[in-house]
Amino acid sequence: MEQSTHLDITDSAQLAINLVREHAPETRLLPMAARPVAGHPEYQQVNRVDRSGAALKGGWTFLVNTTTRAVARTVGDPDELDFETAMGRAIPAHHRR
């Protein structure tokens, strides 16, 4: 079965996108979408998307804890992201004013 590259938008997803835009203002004009992280219900994975809503490969990924509102920036294939590895190389996305 082929894995979908489309990201679903939910209330938690919208919160995650808003947090990414707040902590990483360079993303404010980019089309983004979020999806839950399997096995980690408090996390959303946020990626840039193309016009069809498919996650773009080869760029950054934000992992957002919607409970604590922590935002971490990492890299990896959005459809093959290993959470533990991604968190191991993640850096905080700092809020800039």
PDB file of N, CA and C in Angstrom:
ATOM      1  N   MET A   1       0.841  -1.178   0.000  1.00  0.00           N
ATOM      2  CA  MET A   1       0.000   0.000   0.000  1.00  0.00           C
ATOM      3  C   MET A   1       0.888   1.244   0.000  1.00  0.00           C
ATOM      4  N   GLU A   2       0.620   2.181  -0.880  1.00  0.00           N
ATOM      5  CA  GLU A   2       1.411   3.400  -0.979  1.00  0.00           C
ATOM      6  C   GLU A   2       1.004   4.380   0.108  1.00  0.00           C
ATOM      7  N   GLN A   3       1.991   5.000   0.742  1.00  0.00           N
ATOM      8  CA  GLN A   3       1.732   5.926   1.824  1.00  0.00           C
ATOM      9  C   GLN A   3       1.397   7.296   1.254  1.00  0.00           C
ATOM     10  N   SER A   4       0.367   7.922   1.793  1.00  0.00           N
ATOM     11  CA  SER A   4      -0.037   9.240   1.345  1.00  0.00           C
ATOM     12  C   SER A   4       0.940  10.291   1.848  1.00  0.00           C
ATOM     13  N   THR A   5       1.225  11.285   1.014  1.00  0.00           N
ATOM     14  CA  THR A   5       2.083  12.385   1.438  1.00  0.00           C
ATOM     15  C   THR A   5       1.257  13.598   1.827  1.00  0.00           C
ATOM     16  N   HIS A   6      -0.066  13.482   1.813  1.00  0.00           N
ATOM     17  CA  HIS A   6      -0.931  14.593   2.191  1.00  0.00           C
ATOM     18  C   HIS A   6      -1.062  14.655   3.700  1.00  0.00           C
ATOM     19  N   LEU A   7      -1.096  15.877   4.232  1.00  0.00           N
ATOM     20  CA  LEU A   7      -1.171  16.083   5.660  1.00  0.00           C
ATOM     21  C   LEU A   7      -2.574  16.558   6.033  1.00  0.00           C
ATOM     22  N   ASP A   8      -3.164  15.938   7.039  1.00  0.00           N
ATOM     23  CA  ASP A   8      -4.499  16.317   7.480  1.00  0.00           C
ATOM     24  C   ASP A   8      -4.438  17.531   8.396  1.00  0.00           C
ATOM     25  N   ILE A   9      -5.427  18.416   8.254  1.00  0.00           N
ATOM     26  CA  ILE A   9      -5.525  19.581   9.117  1.00  0.00           C
ATOM     27  C   ILE A   9      -6.581  19.299  10.180  1.00  0.00           C
ATOM     28  N   THR A  10      -6.195  19.448  11.432  1.00  0.00           N
ATOM     29  CA  THR A  10      -7.106  19.305  12.565  1.00  0.00           C
ATOM     30  C   THR A  10      -6.876  20.499  13.474  1.00  0.00           C
ATOM     31  N   ASP A  11      -7.642  20.613  14.554  1.00  0.00           N
ATOM     32  CA  ASP A  11      -7.428  21.721  15.493  1.00  0.00           C
ATOM     33  C   ASP A  11      -6.023  21.681  16.084  1.00  0.00           C
ATOM     34  N   SER A  12      -5.554  20.496  16.462  1.00  0.00           N
ATOM     35  CA  SER A  12      -4.184  20.373  16.977  1.00  0.00           C
ATOM     36  C   SER A  12      -3.178  20.741  15.897  1.00  0.00           C
ATOM     37  N   ALA A  13      -3.486  20.377  14.674  1.00  0.00           N
ATOM     38  CA  ALA A  13      -2.599  20.703  13.560  1.00  0.00           C
ATOM     39  C   ALA A  13      -2.528  22.215  13.362  1.00  0.00           C
ATOM     40  N   GLN A  14      -3.654  22.883  13.428  1.00  0.00           N
ATOM     41  CA  GLN A  14      -3.652  24.338  13.249  1.00  0.00           C
ATOM     42  C   GLN A  14      -2.881  25.012  14.373  1.00  0.00           C
ATOM     43  N   LEU A  15      -3.035  24.511  15.605  1.00  0.00           N
ATOM     44  CA  LEU A  15      -2.254  25.037  16.726  1.00  0.00           C
ATOM     45  C   LEU A  15      -0.763  24.866  16.449  1.00  0.00           C
ATOM     46  N   ALA A  16      -0.366  23.688  15.970  1.00  0.00           N
ATOM     47  CA  ALA A  16       1.048  23.418  15.670  1.00  0.00           C
ATOM     48  C   ALA A  16       1.574  24.371  14.604  1.00  0.00           C
ATOM     49  N   ILE A  17       0.811  24.580  13.554  1.00  0.00           N
ATOM     50  CA  ILE A  17       1.233  25.506  12.489  1.00  0.00           C
ATOM     51  C   ILE A  17       1.377  26.918  13.044  1.00  0.00           C
ATOM     52  N   ASN A  18       0.421  27.339  13.850  1.00  0.00           N
ATOM     53  CA  ASN A  18       0.495  28.677  14.437  1.00  0.00           C
ATOM     54  C   ASN A  18       1.725  28.824  15.325  1.00  0.00           C
ATOM     55  N   LEU A  19       2.050  27.785  16.102  1.00  0.00           N
ATOM     56  CA  LEU A  19       3.239  27.826  16.953  1.00  0.00           C
ATOM     57  C   LEU A  19       4.521  27.893  16.124  1.00  0.00           C
ATOM     58  N   VAL A  20       4.569  27.143  15.017  1.00  0.00           N
ATOM     59  CA  VAL A  20       5.744  27.207  14.134  1.00  0.00           C
ATOM     60  C   VAL A  20       5.885  28.610  13.576  1.00  0.00           C
ATOM     61  N   ARG A  21       4.805  29.194  13.102  1.00  0.00           N
ATOM     62  CA  ARG A  21       4.864  30.546  12.540  1.00  0.00           C
ATOM     63  C   ARG A  21       5.313  31.564  13.596  1.00  0.00           C
ATOM     64  N   GLU A  22       4.925  31.357  14.853  1.00  0.00           N
ATOM     65  CA  GLU A  22       5.329  32.256  15.933  1.00  0.00           C
ATOM     66  C   GLU A  22       6.812  32.101  16.268  1.00  0.00           C
ATOM     67  N   HIS A  23       7.295  30.876  16.314  1.00  0.00           N
ATOM     68  CA  HIS A  23       8.680  30.607  16.707  1.00  0.00           C
ATOM     69  C   HIS A  23       9.674  30.702  15.552  1.00  0.00           C
ATOM     70  N   ALA A  24       9.205  30.554  14.341  1.00  0.00           N
ATOM     71  CA  ALA A  24      10.074  30.613  13.160  1.00  0.00           C
ATOM     72  C   ALA A  24       9.425  31.542  12.133  1.00  0.00           C
ATOM     73  N   PRO A  25       9.550  32.856  12.331  1.00  0.00           N
ATOM     74  CA  PRO A  25       8.838  33.816  11.493  1.00  0.00           C
ATOM     75  C   PRO A  25       9.168  33.724  10.003  1.00  0.00           C
ATOM     76  N   GLU A  26      10.303  33.103   9.650  1.00  0.00           N
ATOM     77  CA  GLU A  26      10.629  32.946   8.227  1.00  0.00           C
ATOM     78  C   GLU A  26       9.636  32.036   7.517  1.00  0.00           C
ATOM     79  N   THR A  27       8.797  31.335   8.279  1.00  0.00           N
ATOM     80  CA  THR A  27       7.814  30.421   7.682  1.00  0.00           C
ATOM     81  C   THR A  27       6.459  31.084   7.465  1.00  0.00           C
ATOM     82  N   ARG A  28       6.299  32.324   7.857  1.00  0.00           N
ATOM     83  CA  ARG A  28       4.955  32.915   7.899  1.00  0.00           C
ATOM     84  C   ARG A  28       4.240  32.979   6.565  1.00  0.00           C
ATOM     85  N   LEU A  29       4.951  33.021   5.464  1.00  0.00           N
ATOM     86  CA  LEU A  29       4.302  33.095   4.156  1.00  0.00           C
ATOM     87  C   LEU A  29       4.322  31.771   3.392  1.00  0.00           C
ATOM     88  N   LEU A  30       4.868  30.735   4.006  1.00  0.00           N
ATOM     89  CA  LEU A  30       4.990  29.445   3.332  1.00  0.00           C
ATOM     90  C   LEU A  30       3.748  28.583   3.566  1.00  0.00           C
ATOM     91  N   PRO A  31       3.317  27.856   2.537  1.00  0.00           N
ATOM     92  CA  PRO A  31       2.205  26.924   2.764  1.00  0.00           C
ATOM     93  C   PRO A  31       2.700  25.748   3.605  1.00  0.00           C
ATOM     94  N   MET A  32       1.995  25.473   4.697  1.00  0.00           N
ATOM     95  CA  MET A  32       2.395  24.401   5.608  1.00  0.00           C
ATOM     96  C   MET A  32       1.171  23.595   6.019  1.00  0.00           C
ATOM     97  N   ALA A  33       1.431  22.379   6.448  1.00  0.00           N
ATOM     98  CA  ALA A  33       0.385  21.517   6.992  1.00  0.00           C
ATOM     99  C   ALA A  33       1.017  20.670   8.092  1.00  0.00           C
ATOM    100  N   ALA A  34       0.156  20.114   8.932  1.00  0.00           N
ATOM    101  CA  ALA A  34       0.630  19.308  10.053  1.00  0.00           C
ATOM    102  C   ALA A  34      -0.131  17.998  10.109  1.00  0.00           C
ATOM    103  N   ARG A  35       0.507  17.020  10.737  1.00  0.00           N
ATOM    104  CA  ARG A  35      -0.123  15.725  10.960  1.00  0.00           C
ATOM    105  C   ARG A  35       0.369  15.164  12.285  1.00  0.00           C
ATOM    106  N   PRO A  36      -0.415  14.293  12.903  1.00  0.00           N
ATOM    107  CA  PRO A  36       0.009  13.691  14.165  1.00  0.00           C
ATOM    108  C   PRO A  36       1.233  12.807  13.966  1.00  0.00           C
ATOM    109  N   VAL A  37       2.038  12.690  15.024  1.00  0.00           N
ATOM    110  CA  VAL A  37       3.197  11.801  15.015  1.00  0.00           C
ATOM    111  C   VAL A  37       2.769  10.474  15.633  1.00  0.00           C
ATOM    112  N   ALA A  38       2.899   9.402  14.883  1.00  0.00           N
ATOM    113  CA  ALA A  38       2.483   8.073  15.351  1.00  0.00           C
ATOM    114  C   ALA A  38       3.212   7.711  16.647  1.00  0.00           C
ATOM    115  N   GLY A  39       2.454   7.248  17.622  1.00  0.00           N
ATOM    116  CA  GLY A  39       3.036   6.827  18.887  1.00  0.00           C
ATOM    117  C   GLY A  39       3.357   7.959  19.846  1.00  0.00           C
ATOM    118  N   HIS A  40       3.135   9.201  19.428  1.00  0.00           N
ATOM    119  CA  HIS A  40       3.418  10.375  20.258  1.00  0.00           C
ATOM    120  C   HIS A  40       2.246  11.350  20.101  1.00  0.00           C
ATOM    121  N   PRO A  41       1.126  11.068  20.764  1.00  0.00           N
ATOM    122  CA  PRO A  41      -0.103  11.835  20.527  1.00  0.00           C
ATOM    123  C   PRO A  41      -0.008  13.320  20.859  1.00  0.00           C
ATOM    124  N   GLU A  42       0.969  13.704  21.665  1.00  0.00           N
ATOM    125  CA  GLU A  42       1.106  15.115  22.005  1.00  0.00           C
ATOM    126  C   GLU A  42       1.863  15.897  20.934  1.00  0.00           C
ATOM    127  N   TYR A  43       2.410  15.209  19.925  1.00  0.00           N
ATOM    128  CA  TYR A  43       3.216  15.857  18.895  1.00  0.00           C
ATOM    129  C   TYR A  43       2.498  15.952  17.555  1.00  0.00           C
ATOM    130  N   GLN A  44       2.787  17.042  16.856  1.00  0.00           N
ATOM    131  CA  GLN A  44       2.390  17.240  15.462  1.00  0.00           C
ATOM    132  C   GLN A  44       3.660  17.479  14.664  1.00  0.00           C
ATOM    133  N   GLN A  45       3.705  16.928  13.462  1.00  0.00           N
ATOM    134  CA  GLN A  45       4.815  17.141  12.525  1.00  0.00           C
ATOM    135  C   GLN A  45       4.354  18.192  11.528  1.00  0.00           C
ATOM    136  N   VAL A  46       5.118  19.270  11.377  1.00  0.00           N
ATOM    137  CA  VAL A  46       4.754  20.372  10.479  1.00  0.00           C
ATOM    138  C   VAL A  46       5.789  20.452   9.360  1.00  0.00           C
ATOM    139  N   ASN A  47       5.305  20.495   8.119  1.00  0.00           N
ATOM    140  CA  ASN A  47       6.172  20.574   6.936  1.00  0.00           C
ATOM    141  C   ASN A  47       5.611  21.569   5.935  1.00  0.00           C
ATOM    142  N   ARG A  48       6.497  22.066   5.066  1.00  0.00           N
ATOM    143  CA  ARG A  48       6.043  22.826   3.893  1.00  0.00           C
ATOM    144  C   ARG A  48       5.311  21.875   2.974  1.00  0.00           C
ATOM    145  N   VAL A  49       4.352  22.397   2.239  1.00  0.00           N
ATOM    146  CA  VAL A  49       3.590  21.577   1.303  1.00  0.00           C
ATOM    147  C   VAL A  49       3.530  22.259  -0.060  1.00  0.00           C
ATOM    148  N   ASP A  50       3.286  21.433  -1.087  1.00  0.00           N
ATOM    149  CA  ASP A  50       3.109  21.992  -2.426  1.00  0.00           C
ATOM    150  C   ASP A  50       1.648  22.391  -2.611  1.00  0.00           C
ATOM    151  N   ARG A  51       1.310  22.835  -3.809  1.00  0.00           N
ATOM    152  CA  ARG A  51      -0.054  23.313  -4.085  1.00  0.00           C
ATOM    153  C   ARG A  51      -1.123  22.248  -3.899  1.00  0.00           C
ATOM    154  N   SER A  52      -0.740  20.986  -4.024  1.00  0.00           N
ATOM    155  CA  SER A  52      -1.724  19.906  -3.856  1.00  0.00           C
ATOM    156  C   SER A  52      -1.847  19.471  -2.398  1.00  0.00           C
ATOM    157  N   GLY A  53      -0.998  20.016  -1.520  1.00  0.00           N
ATOM    158  CA  GLY A  53      -1.033  19.647  -0.112  1.00  0.00           C
ATOM    159  C   GLY A  53      -0.057  18.546   0.261  1.00  0.00           C
ATOM    160  N   ALA A  54       0.764  18.099  -0.689  1.00  0.00           N
ATOM    161  CA  ALA A  54       1.749  17.052  -0.408  1.00  0.00           C
ATOM    162  C   ALA A  54       2.968  17.654   0.289  1.00  0.00           C
ATOM    163  N   ALA A  55       3.456  16.975   1.313  1.00  0.00           N
ATOM    164  CA  ALA A  55       4.640  17.435   2.039  1.00  0.00           C
ATOM    165  C   ALA A  55       5.847  17.439   1.115  1.00  0.00           C
ATOM    166  N   LEU A  56       6.620  18.524   1.177  1.00  0.00           N
ATOM    167  CA  LEU A  56       7.827  18.632   0.358  1.00  0.00           C
ATOM    168  C   LEU A  56       8.966  17.861   1.009  1.00  0.00           C
ATOM    169  N   LYS A  57       9.641  17.084   0.225  1.00  0.00           N
ATOM    170  CA  LYS A  57      10.777  16.290   0.708  1.00  0.00           C
ATOM    171  C   LYS A  57      12.054  17.116   0.652  1.00  0.00           C
ATOM    172  N   GLY A  58      13.012  16.753   1.515  1.00  0.00           N
ATOM    173  CA  GLY A  58      14.329  17.368   1.460  1.00  0.00           C
ATOM    174  C   GLY A  58      14.453  18.689   2.181  1.00  0.00           C
ATOM    175  N   GLY A  59      13.518  19.031   3.013  1.00  0.00           N
ATOM    176  CA  GLY A  59      13.609  20.292   3.741  1.00  0.00           C
ATOM    177  C   GLY A  59      13.520  20.058   5.234  1.00  0.00           C
ATOM    178  N   TRP A  60      13.193  21.100   5.945  1.00  0.00           N
ATOM    179  CA  TRP A  60      13.063  21.007   7.386  1.00  0.00           C
ATOM    180  C   TRP A  60      11.731  20.390   7.775  1.00  0.00           C
ATOM    181  N   THR A  61      11.698  19.923   9.001  1.00  0.00           N
ATOM    182  CA  THR A  61      10.478  19.430   9.642  1.00  0.00           C
ATOM    183  C   THR A  61      10.454  20.033  11.038  1.00  0.00           C
ATOM    184  N   PHE A  62       9.294  20.502  11.448  1.00  0.00           N
ATOM    185  CA  PHE A  62       9.127  20.963  12.820  1.00  0.00           C
ATOM    186  C   PHE A  62       8.340  19.909  13.575  1.00  0.00           C
ATOM    187  N   LEU A  63       8.781  19.602  14.784  1.00  0.00           N
ATOM    188  CA  LEU A  63       8.052  18.722  15.682  1.00  0.00           C
ATOM    189  C   LEU A  63       7.542  19.595  16.818  1.00  0.00           C
ATOM    190  N   VAL A  64       6.226  19.622  16.966  1.00  0.00           N
ATOM    191  CA  VAL A  64       5.588  20.532  17.917  1.00  0.00           C
ATOM    192  C   VAL A  64       4.850  19.726  18.970  1.00  0.00           C
ATOM    193  N   ASN A  65       5.185  19.962  20.234  1.00  0.00           N
ATOM    194  CA  ASN A  65       4.452  19.366  21.335  1.00  0.00           C
ATOM    195  C   ASN A  65       3.311  20.325  21.637  1.00  0.00           C
ATOM    196  N   THR A  66       2.087  19.924  21.296  1.00  0.00           N
ATOM    197  CA  THR A  66       0.945  20.818  21.463  1.00  0.00           C
ATOM    198  C   THR A  66       0.517  20.935  22.920  1.00  0.00           C
ATOM    199  N   THR A  67       1.042  20.087  23.791  1.00  0.00           N
ATOM    200  CA  THR A  67       0.748  20.197  25.219  1.00  0.00           C
ATOM    201  C   THR A  67       1.629  21.258  25.867  1.00  0.00           C
ATOM    202  N   THR A  68       2.936  21.176  25.628  1.00  0.00           N
ATOM    203  CA  THR A  68       3.880  22.132  26.229  1.00  0.00           C
ATOM    204  C   THR A  68       4.133  23.334  25.326  1.00  0.00           C
ATOM    205  N   ARG A  69       3.713  23.237  24.063  1.00  0.00           N
ATOM    206  CA  ARG A  69       3.911  24.275  23.044  1.00  0.00           C
ATOM    207  C   ARG A  69       5.386  24.448  22.663  1.00  0.00           C
ATOM    208  N   ALA A  70       6.179  23.402  22.884  1.00  0.00           N
ATOM    209  CA  ALA A  70       7.586  23.414  22.478  1.00  0.00           C
ATOM    210  C   ALA A  70       7.675  23.132  20.982  1.00  0.00           C
ATOM    211  N   VAL A  71       8.553  23.863  20.304  1.00  0.00           N
ATOM    212  CA  VAL A  71       8.744  23.723  18.861  1.00  0.00           C
ATOM    213  C   VAL A  71      10.210  23.387  18.609  1.00  0.00           C
ATOM    214  N   ALA A  72      10.455  22.262  17.911  1.00  0.00           N
ATOM    215  CA  ALA A  72      11.812  21.843  17.568  1.00  0.00           C
ATOM    216  C   ALA A  72      11.934  21.716  16.061  1.00  0.00           C
ATOM    217  N   ARG A  73      13.073  22.159  15.526  1.00  0.00           N
ATOM    218  CA  ARG A  73      13.337  22.072  14.082  1.00  0.00           C
ATOM    219  C   ARG A  73      14.289  20.907  13.845  1.00  0.00           C
ATOM    220  N   THR A  74      13.973  20.094  12.845  1.00  0.00           N
ATOM    221  CA  THR A  74      14.828  18.962  12.495  1.00  0.00           C
ATOM    222  C   THR A  74      14.751  18.763  10.986  1.00  0.00           C
ATOM    223  N   VAL A  75      15.423  17.755  10.475  1.00  0.00           N
ATOM    224  CA  VAL A  75      15.381  17.434   9.051  1.00  0.00           C
ATOM    225  C   VAL A  75      15.039  15.964   8.894  1.00  0.00           C
ATOM    226  N   GLY A  76      14.526  15.634   7.734  1.00  0.00           N
ATOM    227  CA  GLY A  76      14.198  14.250   7.429  1.00  0.00           C
ATOM    228  C   GLY A  76      13.074  14.171   6.427  1.00  0.00           C
ATOM    229  N   ASP A  77      12.958  13.036   5.805  1.00  0.00           N
ATOM    230  CA  ASP A  77      11.878  12.796   4.859  1.00  0.00           C
ATOM    231  C   ASP A  77      10.564  12.834   5.625  1.00  0.00           C
ATOM    232  N   PRO A  78       9.636  13.715   5.258  1.00  0.00           N
ATOM    233  CA  PRO A  78       8.395  13.846   6.023  1.00  0.00           C
ATOM    234  C   PRO A  78       7.563  12.566   6.085  1.00  0.00           C
ATOM    235  N   ASP A  79       7.694  11.700   5.102  1.00  0.00           N
ATOM    236  CA  ASP A  79       6.906  10.469   5.083  1.00  0.00           C
ATOM    237  C   ASP A  79       7.629   9.289   5.703  1.00  0.00           C
ATOM    238  N   GLU A  80       8.892   9.429   6.014  1.00  0.00           N
ATOM    239  CA  GLU A  80       9.693   8.345   6.587  1.00  0.00           C
ATOM    240  C   GLU A  80      10.367   8.796   7.881  1.00  0.00           C
ATOM    241  N   LEU A  81       9.834   9.813   8.524  1.00  0.00           N
ATOM    242  CA  LEU A  81      10.483  10.407   9.683  1.00  0.00           C
ATOM    243  C   LEU A  81      10.466   9.458  10.878  1.00  0.00           C
ATOM    244  N   ASP A  82      11.648   9.190  11.410  1.00  0.00           N
ATOM    245  CA  ASP A  82      11.793   8.401  12.631  1.00  0.00           C
ATOM    246  C   ASP A  82      11.837   9.401  13.786  1.00  0.00           C
ATOM    247  N   PHE A  83      10.831   9.376  14.640  1.00  0.00           N
ATOM    248  CA  PHE A  83      10.681  10.379  15.686  1.00  0.00           C
ATOM    249  C   PHE A  83      11.902  10.452  16.598  1.00  0.00           C
ATOM    250  N   GLU A  84      12.366   9.320  17.097  1.00  0.00           N
ATOM    251  CA  GLU A  84      13.488   9.321  18.044  1.00  0.00           C
ATOM    252  C   GLU A  84      14.753   9.900  17.408  1.00  0.00           C
ATOM    253  N   THR A  85      15.048   9.514  16.188  1.00  0.00           N
ATOM    254  CA  THR A  85      16.223  10.042  15.483  1.00  0.00           C
ATOM    255  C   THR A  85      16.058  11.536  15.233  1.00  0.00           C
ATOM    256  N   ALA A  86      14.873  11.937  14.780  1.00  0.00           N
ATOM    257  CA  ALA A  86      14.619  13.350  14.492  1.00  0.00           C
ATOM    258  C   ALA A  86      14.762  14.201  15.744  1.00  0.00           C
ATOM    259  N   MET A  87      14.247  13.714  16.870  1.00  0.00           N
ATOM    260  CA  MET A  87      14.359  14.474  18.113  1.00  0.00           C
ATOM    261  C   MET A  87      15.812  14.537  18.580  1.00  0.00           C
ATOM    262  N   GLY A  88      16.595  13.510  18.281  1.00  0.00           N
ATOM    263  CA  GLY A  88      18.005  13.498  18.656  1.00  0.00           C
ATOM    264  C   GLY A  88      18.820  14.562  17.942  1.00  0.00           C
ATOM    265  N   ARG A  89      18.386  14.949  16.754  1.00  0.00           N
ATOM    266  CA  ARG A  89      19.134  15.974  16.016  1.00  0.00           C
ATOM    267  C   ARG A  89      18.386  17.304  15.947  1.00  0.00           C
ATOM    268  N   ALA A  90      17.287  17.402  16.681  1.00  0.00           N
ATOM    269  CA  ALA A  90      16.465  18.613  16.661  1.00  0.00           C
ATOM    270  C   ALA A  90      17.131  19.747  17.424  1.00  0.00           C
ATOM    271  N   ILE A  91      16.825  20.962  16.981  1.00  0.00           N
ATOM    272  CA  ILE A  91      17.242  22.156  17.705  1.00  0.00           C
ATOM    273  C   ILE A  91      15.986  22.975  17.988  1.00  0.00           C
ATOM    274  N   PRO A  92      15.964  23.685  19.109  1.00  0.00           N
ATOM    275  CA  PRO A  92      14.775  24.494  19.400  1.00  0.00           C
ATOM    276  C   PRO A  92      14.578  25.575  18.341  1.00  0.00           C
ATOM    277  N   ALA A  93      13.339  25.800  17.984  1.00  0.00           N
ATOM    278  CA  ALA A  93      13.007  26.914  17.108  1.00  0.00           C
ATOM    279  C   ALA A  93      12.717  28.087  18.053  1.00  0.00           C
ATOM    280  N   HIS A  94      13.573  29.086  18.032  1.00  0.00           N
ATOM    281  CA  HIS A  94      13.484  30.179  19.000  1.00  0.00           C
ATOM    282  C   HIS A  94      12.509  31.234  18.543  1.00  0.00           C
ATOM    283  N   HIS A  95      11.761  31.704  19.522  1.00  0.00           N
ATOM    284  CA  HIS A  95      10.833  32.798  19.283  1.00  0.00           C
ATOM    285  C   HIS A  95      11.644  34.085  19.109  1.00  0.00           C
ATOM    286  N   ARG A  96      11.392  34.785  18.028  1.00  0.00           N
ATOM    287  CA  ARG A  96      12.090  36.051  17.753  1.00  0.00           C
ATOM    288  C   ARG A  96      11.075  37.165  17.682  1.00  0.00           C
ATOM    289  N   ARG A  97      11.371  38.263  18.281  1.00  0.00           N
ATOM    290  CA  ARG A  97      10.472  39.429  18.207  1.00  0.00           C
ATOM    291  C   ARG A  97      11.195  40.596  17.618  1.00  0.00           C
TER     292      ARG A  97
END
